[in-house]
Amino acid sequence: HPVVSFSESMLVQLSAVRRFLYAN
């Protein structure tokens, strides 16, 4: 597994941001 990563909570929030950017 990678050692450099966002936290799980940040990944969840960024996923919502990416979905918004994709759609809008």
PDB file of all heavy atoms in Angstrom:
ATOM      1  N   HIS A   1       0.851  -1.187   0.000  1.00  0.00           N
ATOM      2  CA  HIS A   1       0.000   0.000   0.000  1.00  0.00           C
ATOM      3  C   HIS A   1       0.890   1.243   0.000  1.00  0.00           C
ATOM      4  O   HIS A   1       2.047   1.172   0.423  1.00  0.00           O
ATOM      5  CB  HIS A   1      -0.907   0.016   1.240  1.00  0.00           C
ATOM      6  CG  HIS A   1      -0.143   0.074   2.520  1.00  0.00           C
ATOM      7  ND1 HIS A   1       0.381  -1.050   3.129  1.00  0.00           N
ATOM      8  CD2 HIS A   1       0.211   1.125   3.311  1.00  0.00           C
ATOM      9  CE1 HIS A   1       1.008  -0.709   4.237  1.00  0.00           C
ATOM     10  NE2 HIS A   1       0.923   0.609   4.370  1.00  0.00           N
ATOM     11  N   PRO A   2       0.370   2.373  -0.468  1.00  0.00           N
ATOM     12  CA  PRO A   2       1.154   3.610  -0.413  1.00  0.00           C
ATOM     13  C   PRO A   2       1.268   4.127   1.017  1.00  0.00           C
ATOM     14  O   PRO A   2       0.380   3.888   1.842  1.00  0.00           O
ATOM     15  CB  PRO A   2       0.364   4.578  -1.290  1.00  0.00           C
ATOM     16  CG  PRO A   2      -1.041   4.080  -1.223  1.00  0.00           C
ATOM     17  CD  PRO A   2      -0.944   2.586  -1.116  1.00  0.00           C
ATOM     18  N   VAL A   3       2.342   4.839   1.293  1.00  0.00           N
ATOM     19  CA  VAL A   3       2.496   5.437   2.622  1.00  0.00           C
ATOM     20  C   VAL A   3       2.111   6.906   2.617  1.00  0.00           C
ATOM     21  O   VAL A   3       1.852   7.479   3.676  1.00  0.00           O
ATOM     22  CB  VAL A   3       3.936   5.278   3.167  1.00  0.00           C
ATOM     23  CG1 VAL A   3       4.235   3.826   3.477  1.00  0.00           C
ATOM     24  CG2 VAL A   3       4.958   5.849   2.196  1.00  0.00           C
ATOM     25  N   VAL A   4       2.082   7.531   1.463  1.00  0.00           N
ATOM     26  CA  VAL A   4       1.684   8.936   1.358  1.00  0.00           C
ATOM     27  C   VAL A   4       0.220   8.967   0.929  1.00  0.00           C
ATOM     28  O   VAL A   4      -0.137   8.457  -0.125  1.00  0.00           O
ATOM     29  CB  VAL A   4       2.553   9.700   0.339  1.00  0.00           C
ATOM     30  CG1 VAL A   4       2.146  11.170   0.288  1.00  0.00           C
ATOM     31  CG2 VAL A   4       4.029   9.562   0.696  1.00  0.00           C
ATOM     32  N   SER A   5      -0.622   9.565   1.764  1.00  0.00           N
ATOM     33  CA  SER A   5      -2.060   9.505   1.489  1.00  0.00           C
ATOM     34  C   SER A   5      -2.810  10.591   2.238  1.00  0.00           C
ATOM     35  O   SER A   5      -2.336  11.136   3.231  1.00  0.00           O
ATOM     36  CB  SER A   5      -2.604   8.131   1.907  1.00  0.00           C
ATOM     37  OG  SER A   5      -4.001   8.059   1.712  1.00  0.00           O
ATOM     38  N   PHE A   6      -3.999  10.886   1.716  1.00  0.00           N
ATOM     39  CA  PHE A   6      -4.970  11.656   2.481  1.00  0.00           C
ATOM     40  C   PHE A   6      -5.582  10.744   3.548  1.00  0.00           C
ATOM     41  O   PHE A   6      -5.559   9.513   3.425  1.00  0.00           O
ATOM     42  CB  PHE A   6      -6.103  12.159   1.581  1.00  0.00           C
ATOM     43  CG  PHE A   6      -5.701  13.199   0.580  1.00  0.00           C
ATOM     44  CD1 PHE A   6      -5.702  12.912  -0.783  1.00  0.00           C
ATOM     45  CD2 PHE A   6      -5.353  14.485   0.991  1.00  0.00           C
ATOM     46  CE1 PHE A   6      -5.347  13.875  -1.712  1.00  0.00           C
ATOM     47  CE2 PHE A   6      -5.002  15.455   0.064  1.00  0.00           C
ATOM     48  CZ  PHE A   6      -4.995  15.148  -1.294  1.00  0.00           C
ATOM     49  N   SER A   7      -6.159  11.348   4.563  1.00  0.00           N
ATOM     50  CA  SER A   7      -6.916  10.588   5.550  1.00  0.00           C
ATOM     51  C   SER A   7      -8.225  10.109   4.922  1.00  0.00           C
ATOM     52  O   SER A   7      -8.659  10.617   3.887  1.00  0.00           O
ATOM     53  CB  SER A   7      -7.225  11.457   6.765  1.00  0.00           C
ATOM     54  OG  SER A   7      -8.112  12.505   6.404  1.00  0.00           O
ATOM     55  N   GLU A   8      -8.852   9.134   5.553  1.00  0.00           N
ATOM     56  CA  GLU A   8     -10.103   8.599   5.030  1.00  0.00           C
ATOM     57  C   GLU A   8     -11.180   9.686   4.973  1.00  0.00           C
ATOM     58  O   GLU A   8     -11.943   9.778   4.001  1.00  0.00           O
ATOM     59  CB  GLU A   8     -10.580   7.434   5.894  1.00  0.00           C
ATOM     60  CG  GLU A   8     -11.764   6.682   5.314  1.00  0.00           C
ATOM     61  CD  GLU A   8     -11.468   6.052   3.959  1.00  0.00           C
ATOM     62  OE1 GLU A   8     -10.328   5.583   3.756  1.00  0.00           O
ATOM     63  OE2 GLU A   8     -12.380   6.038   3.104  1.00  0.00           O
ATOM     64  N   SER A   9     -11.246  10.518   6.000  1.00  0.00           N
ATOM     65  CA  SER A   9     -12.266  11.576   6.011  1.00  0.00           C
ATOM     66  C   SER A   9     -12.022  12.595   4.898  1.00  0.00           C
ATOM     67  O   SER A   9     -12.962  13.075   4.255  1.00  0.00           O
ATOM     68  CB  SER A   9     -12.290  12.273   7.369  1.00  0.00           C
ATOM     69  OG  SER A   9     -11.045  12.900   7.635  1.00  0.00           O
ATOM     70  N   MET A  10     -10.752  12.913   4.635  1.00  0.00           N
ATOM     71  CA  MET A  10     -10.436  13.843   3.552  1.00  0.00           C
ATOM     72  C   MET A  10     -10.772  13.225   2.199  1.00  0.00           C
ATOM     73  O   MET A  10     -11.295  13.912   1.306  1.00  0.00           O
ATOM     74  CB  MET A  10      -8.958  14.240   3.592  1.00  0.00           C
ATOM     75  CG  MET A  10      -8.533  15.214   2.498  1.00  0.00           C
ATOM     76  SD  MET A  10      -9.348  16.834   2.577  1.00  0.00           S
ATOM     77  CE  MET A  10      -8.469  17.590   3.964  1.00  0.00           C
ATOM     78  N   LEU A  11     -10.513  11.944   2.025  1.00  0.00           N
ATOM     79  CA  LEU A  11     -10.828  11.269   0.773  1.00  0.00           C
ATOM     80  C   LEU A  11     -12.328  11.322   0.482  1.00  0.00           C
ATOM     81  O   LEU A  11     -12.743  11.513  -0.664  1.00  0.00           O
ATOM     82  CB  LEU A  11     -10.348   9.819   0.814  1.00  0.00           C
ATOM     83  CG  LEU A  11      -8.841   9.606   0.660  1.00  0.00           C
ATOM     84  CD1 LEU A  11      -8.484   8.145   0.946  1.00  0.00           C
ATOM     85  CD2 LEU A  11      -8.360  10.005  -0.727  1.00  0.00           C
ATOM     86  N   VAL A  12     -13.138  11.144   1.536  1.00  0.00           N
ATOM     87  CA  VAL A  12     -14.595  11.200   1.357  1.00  0.00           C
ATOM     88  C   VAL A  12     -15.016  12.591   0.896  1.00  0.00           C
ATOM     89  O   VAL A  12     -15.831  12.746  -0.028  1.00  0.00           O
ATOM     90  CB  VAL A  12     -15.305  10.815   2.660  1.00  0.00           C
ATOM     91  CG1 VAL A  12     -16.804  11.095   2.564  1.00  0.00           C
ATOM     92  CG2 VAL A  12     -15.068   9.342   2.978  1.00  0.00           C
ATOM     93  N   GLN A  13     -14.461  13.613   1.523  1.00  0.00           N
ATOM     94  CA  GLN A  13     -14.814  14.988   1.157  1.00  0.00           C
ATOM     95  C   GLN A  13     -14.329  15.338  -0.251  1.00  0.00           C
ATOM     96  O   GLN A  13     -15.041  15.976  -1.027  1.00  0.00           O
ATOM     97  CB  GLN A  13     -14.227  15.964   2.179  1.00  0.00           C
ATOM     98  CG  GLN A  13     -14.822  15.801   3.571  1.00  0.00           C
ATOM     99  CD  GLN A  13     -14.165  16.709   4.598  1.00  0.00           C
ATOM    100  OE1 GLN A  13     -14.636  17.810   4.864  1.00  0.00           O
ATOM    101  NE2 GLN A  13     -13.073  16.254   5.188  1.00  0.00           N
ATOM    102  N   LEU A  14     -13.119  14.890  -0.596  1.00  0.00           N
ATOM    103  CA  LEU A  14     -12.587  15.181  -1.925  1.00  0.00           C
ATOM    104  C   LEU A  14     -13.371  14.455  -3.009  1.00  0.00           C
ATOM    105  O   LEU A  14     -13.506  14.956  -4.127  1.00  0.00           O
ATOM    106  CB  LEU A  14     -11.106  14.791  -1.997  1.00  0.00           C
ATOM    107  CG  LEU A  14     -10.142  15.699  -1.237  1.00  0.00           C
ATOM    108  CD1 LEU A  14      -8.717  15.189  -1.365  1.00  0.00           C
ATOM    109  CD2 LEU A  14     -10.235  17.134  -1.759  1.00  0.00           C
ATOM    110  N   SER A  15     -13.884  13.286  -2.684  1.00  0.00           N
ATOM    111  CA  SER A  15     -14.710  12.557  -3.645  1.00  0.00           C
ATOM    112  C   SER A  15     -15.955  13.366  -4.010  1.00  0.00           C
ATOM    113  O   SER A  15     -16.349  13.435  -5.183  1.00  0.00           O
ATOM    114  CB  SER A  15     -15.113  11.197  -3.072  1.00  0.00           C
ATOM    115  OG  SER A  15     -15.913  10.484  -3.984  1.00  0.00           O
ATOM    116  N   ALA A  16     -16.552  13.998  -3.023  1.00  0.00           N
ATOM    117  CA  ALA A  16     -17.723  14.843  -3.286  1.00  0.00           C
ATOM    118  C   ALA A  16     -17.334  16.068  -4.119  1.00  0.00           C
ATOM    119  O   ALA A  16     -18.081  16.487  -5.013  1.00  0.00           O
ATOM    120  CB  ALA A  16     -18.349  15.279  -1.966  1.00  0.00           C
ATOM    121  N   VAL A  17     -16.163  16.631  -3.845  1.00  0.00           N
ATOM    122  CA  VAL A  17     -15.691  17.788  -4.620  1.00  0.00           C
ATOM    123  C   VAL A  17     -15.476  17.397  -6.078  1.00  0.00           C
ATOM    124  O   VAL A  17     -15.863  18.121  -7.001  1.00  0.00           O
ATOM    125  CB  VAL A  17     -14.389  18.349  -4.008  1.00  0.00           C
ATOM    126  CG1 VAL A  17     -13.783  19.424  -4.923  1.00  0.00           C
ATOM    127  CG2 VAL A  17     -14.653  18.935  -2.625  1.00  0.00           C
ATOM    128  N   ARG A  18     -14.853  16.232  -6.304  1.00  0.00           N
ATOM    129  CA  ARG A  18     -14.582  15.787  -7.676  1.00  0.00           C
ATOM    130  C   ARG A  18     -15.882  15.523  -8.433  1.00  0.00           C
ATOM    131  O   ARG A  18     -15.986  15.825  -9.626  1.00  0.00           O
ATOM    132  CB  ARG A  18     -13.705  14.534  -7.657  1.00  0.00           C
ATOM    133  CG  ARG A  18     -12.281  14.798  -7.167  1.00  0.00           C
ATOM    134  CD  ARG A  18     -11.416  13.562  -7.289  1.00  0.00           C
ATOM    135  NE  ARG A  18     -10.096  13.773  -6.724  1.00  0.00           N
ATOM    136  CZ  ARG A  18      -9.631  13.166  -5.638  1.00  0.00           C
ATOM    137  NH1 ARG A  18     -10.392  12.285  -4.999  1.00  0.00           N
ATOM    138  NH2 ARG A  18      -8.419  13.406  -5.198  1.00  0.00           N
ATOM    139  N   ARG A  19     -16.861  14.940  -7.758  1.00  0.00           N
ATOM    140  CA  ARG A  19     -18.149  14.698  -8.411  1.00  0.00           C
ATOM    141  C   ARG A  19     -18.795  16.021  -8.817  1.00  0.00           C
ATOM    142  O   ARG A  19     -19.373  16.144  -9.901  1.00  0.00           O
ATOM    143  CB  ARG A  19     -19.087  13.907  -7.486  1.00  0.00           C
ATOM    144  CG  ARG A  19     -18.692  12.454  -7.302  1.00  0.00           C
ATOM    145  CD  ARG A  19     -19.837  11.649  -6.701  1.00  0.00           C
ATOM    146  NE  ARG A  19     -20.250  12.154  -5.400  1.00  0.00           N
ATOM    147  CZ  ARG A  19     -19.724  11.771  -4.238  1.00  0.00           C
ATOM    148  NH1 ARG A  19     -18.742  10.865  -4.218  1.00  0.00           N
ATOM    149  NH2 ARG A  19     -20.166  12.262  -3.095  1.00  0.00           N
ATOM    150  N   PHE A  20     -18.688  17.009  -7.945  1.00  0.00           N
ATOM    151  CA  PHE A  20     -19.236  18.332  -8.250  1.00  0.00           C
ATOM    152  C   PHE A  20     -18.521  18.953  -9.444  1.00  0.00           C
ATOM    153  O   PHE A  20     -19.162  19.485 -10.361  1.00  0.00           O
ATOM    154  CB  PHE A  20     -19.094  19.235  -7.018  1.00  0.00           C
ATOM    155  CG  PHE A  20     -19.399  20.682  -7.291  1.00  0.00           C
ATOM    156  CD1 PHE A  20     -20.700  21.146  -7.281  1.00  0.00           C
ATOM    157  CD2 PHE A  20     -18.366  21.586  -7.559  1.00  0.00           C
ATOM    158  CE1 PHE A  20     -20.982  22.478  -7.546  1.00  0.00           C
ATOM    159  CE2 PHE A  20     -18.635  22.911  -7.821  1.00  0.00           C
ATOM    160  CZ  PHE A  20     -19.945  23.356  -7.811  1.00  0.00           C
ATOM    161  N   LEU A  21     -17.189  18.895  -9.452  1.00  0.00           N
ATOM    162  CA  LEU A  21     -16.433  19.474 -10.548  1.00  0.00           C
ATOM    163  C   LEU A  21     -16.751  18.778 -11.865  1.00  0.00           C
ATOM    164  O   LEU A  21     -16.883  19.418 -12.912  1.00  0.00           O
ATOM    165  CB  LEU A  21     -14.930  19.391 -10.264  1.00  0.00           C
ATOM    166  CG  LEU A  21     -14.393  20.347  -9.200  1.00  0.00           C
ATOM    167  CD1 LEU A  21     -12.940  20.027  -8.882  1.00  0.00           C
ATOM    168  CD2 LEU A  21     -14.519  21.796  -9.658  1.00  0.00           C
ATOM    169  N   TYR A  22     -16.899  17.466 -11.822  1.00  0.00           N
ATOM    170  CA  TYR A  22     -17.197  16.718 -13.035  1.00  0.00           C
ATOM    171  C   TYR A  22     -18.554  17.143 -13.605  1.00  0.00           C
ATOM    172  O   TYR A  22     -18.679  17.411 -14.806  1.00  0.00           O
ATOM    173  CB  TYR A  22     -17.192  15.220 -12.741  1.00  0.00           C
ATOM    174  CG  TYR A  22     -17.396  14.367 -13.969  1.00  0.00           C
ATOM    175  CD1 TYR A  22     -16.335  14.114 -14.838  1.00  0.00           C
ATOM    176  CD2 TYR A  22     -18.637  13.811 -14.257  1.00  0.00           C
ATOM    177  CE1 TYR A  22     -16.515  13.344 -15.979  1.00  0.00           C
ATOM    178  CE2 TYR A  22     -18.829  13.033 -15.402  1.00  0.00           C
ATOM    179  CZ  TYR A  22     -17.757  12.803 -16.252  1.00  0.00           C
ATOM    180  OH  TYR A  22     -17.950  12.044 -17.379  1.00  0.00           O
ATOM    181  N   ALA A  23     -19.534  17.219 -12.744  1.00  0.00           N
ATOM    182  CA  ALA A  23     -20.886  17.524 -13.205  1.00  0.00           C
ATOM    183  C   ALA A  23     -21.050  18.985 -13.604  1.00  0.00           C
ATOM    184  O   ALA A  23     -21.753  19.305 -14.574  1.00  0.00           O
ATOM    185  CB  ALA A  23     -21.900  17.166 -12.113  1.00  0.00           C
ATOM    186  N   ASN A  24     -20.410  19.890 -12.881  1.00  0.00           N
ATOM    187  CA  ASN A  24     -20.678  21.319 -13.068  1.00  0.00           C
ATOM    188  C   ASN A  24     -19.620  22.072 -13.867  1.00  0.00           C
ATOM    189  O   ASN A  24     -19.887  23.186 -14.336  1.00  0.00           O
ATOM    190  CB  ASN A  24     -20.831  21.996 -11.703  1.00  0.00           C
ATOM    191  CG  ASN A  24     -22.039  21.500 -10.949  1.00  0.00           C
ATOM    192  OD1 ASN A  24     -23.156  21.951 -11.176  1.00  0.00           O
ATOM    193  ND2 ASN A  24     -21.823  20.537 -10.059  1.00  0.00           N
TER     194      ASN A  24
END
